[in-house]
Amino acid sequence: MQGSANLNLMIKAARRAGKSLVKDFREVENLQVSSKGPGDFVSKADREAERLIKEDLMGARPTYGWLGEETGETAGQDPTRRWIVDPLDGTTNFLHGMPHWAISIALEHKGEIVSAVVYDPAKDEMFWAEKGAGAWLNDNRRLRVSGRRSMTEAVFAAGVPFGAKKTLPAMLADLARLMPACAGVRRWGAASLDLAYVAAGRFDGYWERELQPWDIAAGLLLVKEAGGMVGPLREGDDILSKGALLCANDPLFEGFSKIIRNA
């Protein structure tokens, strides 16, 4: 694996936190869990993983800014660089004993994501990318988005709102339009892995609303570096600040985006 010093630091931090999470995942029934709202949980394991990642990243780069799901935002002495971290994406899966969750780490430079890591400890899959250097899985597998050209053959990932989310009607309308035109839709509950799977060609596209920067920052670079196309749900919006996006390979993007944006 060849990458910048920052990327290697990110990978090392993800692996360290991953070991801690895997240990807790094996004892998931004994975790001390508090509720942040319907379907949105935070666990002792989540907080510990973020502590480990922050210790590694900020210890090595103390002047960088920080944005983490659990610890919030801290401005850095260097205003041009910021870590964006989700220590446990797919917390609900984790707490229900389902092995589909990930650590997401991105490095932002001058408002642009330049390095990305999405690590799935349960499957030991390390997705990583750097701007201009492609997207990769583990040590040496180059990632490419799928080559499918027909919507009828395509499988899409989505984030279906939980609880009393106000975006549920829009998502149900999306599904009503998309399902007759494609081969299927999957809702797996971890946005970072949905994006990584698009980059790997496992999904042909993905869309979701009401996301946070730490959910998608790393995955966006993975898709772009794997040759995919990414856009906001509402044309002209900023994806990270609005948290609503869609992505697909080039042949499918136009048709897919027309269906989803026709809300």
Protein backbone atom coordinates (compact mmCIF):
# COMPACT_ATOMS: atom_id res chain seq x y z
CA MET A 1 0.00 0.00 0.00
CA GLN A 2 1.50 3.29 -1.10
CA GLY A 3 0.06 6.59 0.02
CA SER A 4 0.85 9.88 1.66
CA ALA A 5 1.93 10.17 5.26
CA ASN A 6 -1.52 11.47 6.15
CA LEU A 7 -3.24 8.54 4.46
CA ASN A 8 -1.04 6.02 6.25
CA LEU A 9 -1.83 7.78 9.52
CA MET A 10 -5.56 7.52 8.77
CA ILE A 11 -5.31 3.82 7.97
CA LYS A 12 -3.36 3.12 11.15
CA ALA A 13 -5.92 5.03 13.24
CA ALA A 14 -8.81 3.17 11.60
CA ARG A 15 -7.24 -0.21 12.29
CA ARG A 16 -6.57 0.65 15.92
CA ALA A 17 -10.13 1.81 16.49
CA GLY A 18 -11.41 -1.17 14.52
CA LYS A 19 -9.77 -3.61 16.94
CA SER A 20 -11.52 -1.90 19.83
CA LEU A 21 -14.88 -1.98 18.06
CA VAL A 22 -14.58 -5.65 17.09
CA LYS A 23 -13.90 -6.53 20.73
CA ASP A 24 -17.01 -4.66 21.83
CA PHE A 25 -19.05 -6.08 18.95
CA ARG A 26 -18.45 -9.57 20.33
CA GLU A 27 -19.97 -8.45 23.61
CA VAL A 28 -22.67 -6.27 22.12
CA GLU A 29 -25.33 -7.36 24.62
CA ASN A 30 -23.24 -6.00 27.49
CA LEU A 31 -22.64 -2.55 26.03
CA GLN A 32 -23.73 0.49 27.98
CA VAL A 33 -26.07 2.22 25.56
CA SER A 34 -27.89 5.54 25.80
CA SER A 35 -30.50 6.77 23.35
CA LYS A 36 -30.15 10.00 21.34
CA GLY A 37 -33.57 9.55 19.74
CA PRO A 38 -35.64 6.96 17.87
CA GLY A 39 -33.36 4.66 15.93
CA ASP A 40 -30.30 6.82 16.65
CA PHE A 41 -28.11 5.34 19.35
CA VAL A 42 -24.73 6.15 20.79
CA SER A 43 -22.71 3.55 22.62
CA LYS A 44 -19.71 3.31 24.84
CA ALA A 45 -17.93 1.61 21.95
CA ASP A 46 -18.69 4.54 19.63
CA ARG A 47 -17.24 7.11 22.00
CA GLU A 48 -14.15 5.03 22.70
CA ALA A 49 -13.47 4.55 19.00
CA GLU A 50 -13.63 8.30 18.40
CA ARG A 51 -11.31 8.90 21.34
CA LEU A 52 -8.72 6.52 19.87
CA ILE A 53 -8.96 8.03 16.39
CA LYS A 54 -8.71 11.58 17.69
CA GLU A 55 -5.74 10.64 19.85
CA ASP A 56 -3.91 9.25 16.82
CA LEU A 57 -4.81 11.92 14.27
CA MET A 58 -4.59 15.01 16.45
CA GLY A 59 -1.54 13.67 18.23
CA ALA A 60 0.29 13.49 14.90
CA ARG A 61 -1.27 16.63 13.36
CA PRO A 62 -2.12 18.92 16.29
CA THR A 63 -2.68 22.02 14.12
CA TYR A 64 -5.44 20.46 12.00
CA GLY A 65 -9.11 21.11 12.64
CA TRP A 66 -11.48 18.36 13.75
CA LEU A 67 -15.10 17.42 13.06
CA GLY A 68 -16.29 14.22 14.74
CA GLU A 69 -19.75 12.77 15.21
CA GLU A 70 -19.43 12.42 18.97
CA THR A 71 -17.05 15.24 19.92
CA GLY A 72 -18.19 17.92 17.49
CA GLU A 73 -16.05 20.53 15.79
CA THR A 74 -12.79 22.12 16.90
CA ALA A 75 -11.06 24.77 14.83
CA GLY A 76 -7.39 24.16 14.11
CA GLN A 77 -4.44 26.51 14.00
CA ASP A 78 -4.20 25.48 10.36
CA PRO A 79 -7.53 26.72 8.93
CA THR A 80 -6.99 24.89 5.63
CA ARG A 81 -7.01 21.31 6.95
CA ARG A 82 -9.64 19.38 8.89
CA TRP A 83 -10.25 15.77 9.86
CA ILE A 84 -13.86 14.61 9.36
CA VAL A 85 -14.57 11.43 11.32
CA ASP A 86 -17.41 9.01 11.95
CA PRO A 87 -16.04 6.45 14.43
CA LEU A 88 -18.93 4.05 13.94
CA ASP A 89 -21.19 4.43 10.93
CA GLY A 90 -24.01 1.91 11.19
CA THR A 91 -24.41 2.10 14.96
CA THR A 92 -27.86 0.52 14.88
CA ASN A 93 -26.50 -2.45 12.92
CA PHE A 94 -23.68 -2.74 15.46
CA LEU A 95 -26.03 -2.72 18.43
CA HIS A 96 -28.23 -5.38 16.85
CA GLY A 97 -25.31 -7.70 16.18
CA MET A 98 -25.31 -7.21 12.41
CA PRO A 99 -21.76 -7.14 10.96
CA HIS A 100 -22.24 -4.20 8.60
CA TRP A 101 -20.72 -1.03 10.03
CA ALA A 102 -17.61 1.02 9.39
CA ILE A 103 -15.16 3.69 10.44
CA SER A 104 -15.05 6.71 8.14
CA ILE A 105 -12.12 9.16 8.11
CA ALA A 106 -11.63 12.00 5.62
CA LEU A 107 -9.07 14.77 5.34
CA GLU A 108 -10.34 18.07 4.00
CA HIS A 109 -7.92 20.63 2.52
CA LYS A 110 -9.17 24.06 1.51
CA GLY A 111 -12.75 22.82 1.41
CA GLU A 112 -12.01 19.72 -0.67
CA ILE A 113 -11.69 16.09 0.44
CA VAL A 114 -8.19 14.92 -0.50
CA SER A 115 -7.77 11.65 1.43
CA ALA A 116 -10.35 9.09 2.51
CA VAL A 117 -10.60 5.85 4.46
CA VAL A 118 -13.68 3.70 5.03
CA TYR A 119 -12.80 0.63 7.10
CA ASP A 120 -15.12 -2.33 7.66
CA PRO A 121 -13.50 -4.17 10.60
CA ALA A 122 -15.98 -7.05 10.63
CA LYS A 123 -14.90 -8.04 7.09
CA ASP A 124 -11.41 -6.51 7.29
CA GLU A 125 -12.02 -4.43 4.18
CA MET A 126 -10.08 -1.17 3.98
CA PHE A 127 -11.38 1.16 1.27
CA TRP A 128 -9.10 4.14 0.67
CA ALA A 129 -8.47 6.90 -1.81
CA GLU A 130 -6.43 10.01 -2.42
CA LYS A 131 -7.27 12.78 -4.82
CA GLY A 132 -5.79 11.98 -8.22
CA ALA A 133 -4.45 8.58 -7.14
CA GLY A 134 -7.51 6.37 -7.55
CA ALA A 135 -9.55 4.34 -5.08
CA TRP A 136 -8.37 1.05 -3.64
CA LEU A 137 -9.42 -1.92 -1.51
CA ASN A 138 -6.86 -3.26 0.98
CA ASP A 139 -3.31 -3.35 -0.36
CA ASN A 140 -3.58 -3.63 -4.11
CA ARG A 141 -7.07 -3.95 -5.57
CA ARG A 142 -8.00 -0.94 -7.71
CA LEU A 143 -11.64 0.03 -7.38
CA ARG A 144 -13.85 0.83 -10.36
CA VAL A 145 -17.54 1.65 -10.46
CA SER A 146 -19.72 -0.85 -12.26
CA GLY A 147 -19.93 -0.94 -16.04
CA ARG A 148 -23.67 -1.58 -16.22
CA ARG A 149 -25.48 0.61 -18.72
CA SER A 150 -29.10 -0.45 -18.30
CA MET A 151 -31.32 0.69 -15.44
CA THR A 152 -33.16 -2.62 -15.60
CA GLU A 153 -29.94 -4.41 -14.56
CA ALA A 154 -28.90 -1.92 -11.87
CA VAL A 155 -29.11 -2.34 -8.10
CA PHE A 156 -29.18 0.83 -6.02
CA ALA A 157 -28.54 1.57 -2.36
CA ALA A 158 -30.59 4.05 -0.37
CA GLY A 159 -31.08 5.45 3.09
CA VAL A 160 -34.71 5.04 4.12
CA PRO A 161 -35.59 7.47 6.94
CA PHE A 162 -36.35 5.99 10.33
CA GLY A 163 -38.67 7.22 13.07
CA ALA A 164 -40.77 10.27 12.23
CA LYS A 165 -38.33 11.81 9.76
CA LYS A 166 -39.90 14.52 7.61
CA THR A 167 -38.19 13.17 4.48
CA LEU A 168 -40.01 9.80 4.60
CA PRO A 169 -42.73 10.82 2.09
CA ALA A 170 -40.09 11.98 -0.41
CA MET A 171 -38.20 8.70 -0.07
CA LEU A 172 -41.37 6.64 -0.55
CA ALA A 173 -42.08 8.66 -3.69
CA ASP A 174 -38.52 8.00 -4.89
CA LEU A 175 -38.98 4.27 -4.41
CA ALA A 176 -42.32 4.28 -6.23
CA ARG A 177 -40.65 5.84 -9.28
CA LEU A 178 -37.36 3.92 -9.18
CA MET A 179 -38.40 0.37 -8.29
CA PRO A 180 -40.25 -0.34 -11.57
CA ALA A 181 -37.20 0.87 -13.53
CA CYS A 182 -34.37 -1.08 -11.85
CA ALA A 183 -33.31 -4.51 -10.59
CA GLY A 184 -33.62 -3.65 -6.92
CA VAL A 185 -32.92 -1.32 -4.01
CA ARG A 186 -31.02 -2.17 -0.83
CA ARG A 187 -31.11 -0.35 2.52
CA TRP A 188 -28.11 -1.54 4.55
CA GLY A 189 -27.85 1.21 7.13
CA ALA A 190 -24.31 2.56 6.72
CA ALA A 191 -23.86 5.46 4.28
CA SER A 192 -20.08 5.21 4.18
CA LEU A 193 -20.26 1.57 3.09
CA ASP A 194 -23.01 2.31 0.57
CA LEU A 195 -20.64 4.78 -1.09
CA ALA A 196 -17.68 2.40 -0.82
CA TYR A 197 -19.76 -0.32 -2.45
CA VAL A 198 -20.64 2.00 -5.33
CA ALA A 199 -16.91 2.65 -5.75
CA ALA A 200 -16.29 -1.11 -5.78
CA GLY A 201 -19.03 -1.78 -8.36
CA ARG A 202 -21.15 -3.76 -5.90
CA PHE A 203 -23.94 -1.19 -6.06
CA ASP A 204 -24.63 0.72 -9.26
CA GLY A 205 -25.78 3.87 -7.50
CA TYR A 206 -26.90 5.38 -4.21
CA TRP A 207 -28.99 8.27 -2.88
CA GLU A 208 -29.98 9.62 0.51
CA ARG A 209 -31.17 12.73 2.35
CA GLU A 210 -30.43 14.23 5.78
CA LEU A 211 -26.84 13.05 6.08
CA GLN A 212 -24.03 14.64 8.08
CA PRO A 213 -20.55 15.48 6.70
CA TRP A 214 -18.94 12.66 8.67
CA ASP A 215 -21.34 10.14 7.07
CA ILE A 216 -20.28 10.87 3.51
CA ALA A 217 -17.02 12.85 3.30
CA ALA A 218 -14.74 9.84 2.81
CA GLY A 219 -17.19 7.93 0.62
CA LEU A 220 -17.59 10.82 -1.80
CA LEU A 221 -13.89 10.73 -2.67
CA LEU A 222 -13.97 6.94 -3.03
CA VAL A 223 -16.74 7.16 -5.64
CA LYS A 224 -15.09 9.99 -7.56
CA GLU A 225 -11.68 8.29 -7.63
CA ALA A 226 -13.31 5.04 -8.78
CA GLY A 227 -14.74 6.84 -11.81
CA GLY A 228 -18.23 7.51 -10.51
CA MET A 229 -20.35 10.63 -10.76
CA VAL A 230 -21.66 12.40 -7.66
CA GLY A 231 -24.23 15.19 -7.45
CA PRO A 232 -26.57 16.91 -4.99
CA LEU A 233 -30.22 15.90 -4.92
CA ARG A 234 -31.13 19.52 -5.61
CA GLU A 235 -28.91 20.86 -8.37
CA GLY A 236 -26.62 23.64 -7.19
CA ASP A 237 -26.62 22.60 -3.51
CA ASP A 238 -23.42 21.85 -1.61
CA ILE A 239 -23.42 18.14 -0.78
CA LEU A 240 -21.55 18.25 2.53
CA SER A 241 -23.56 21.12 4.01
CA LYS A 242 -26.97 19.97 2.72
CA GLY A 243 -26.39 16.25 3.27
CA ALA A 244 -28.42 15.11 0.26
CA LEU A 245 -26.76 13.35 -2.67
CA LEU A 246 -26.93 10.78 -5.41
CA CYS A 247 -24.21 8.94 -7.29
CA ALA A 248 -23.83 6.32 -9.99
CA ASN A 249 -21.57 5.31 -12.84
CA ASP A 250 -21.47 7.55 -15.90
CA PRO A 251 -23.88 5.56 -18.15
CA LEU A 252 -26.58 5.39 -15.46
CA PHE A 253 -26.18 8.77 -13.80
CA GLU A 254 -28.40 10.86 -16.05
CA GLY A 255 -31.35 8.47 -16.05
CA PHE A 256 -31.01 7.74 -12.34
CA SER A 257 -30.76 11.41 -11.41
CA LYS A 258 -33.83 12.30 -13.48
CA ILE A 259 -35.91 9.74 -11.60
CA ILE A 260 -34.70 10.78 -8.13
CA ARG A 261 -34.76 14.53 -8.76
CA ASN A 262 -38.30 14.38 -10.14
CA ALA A 263 -39.74 14.85 -6.65
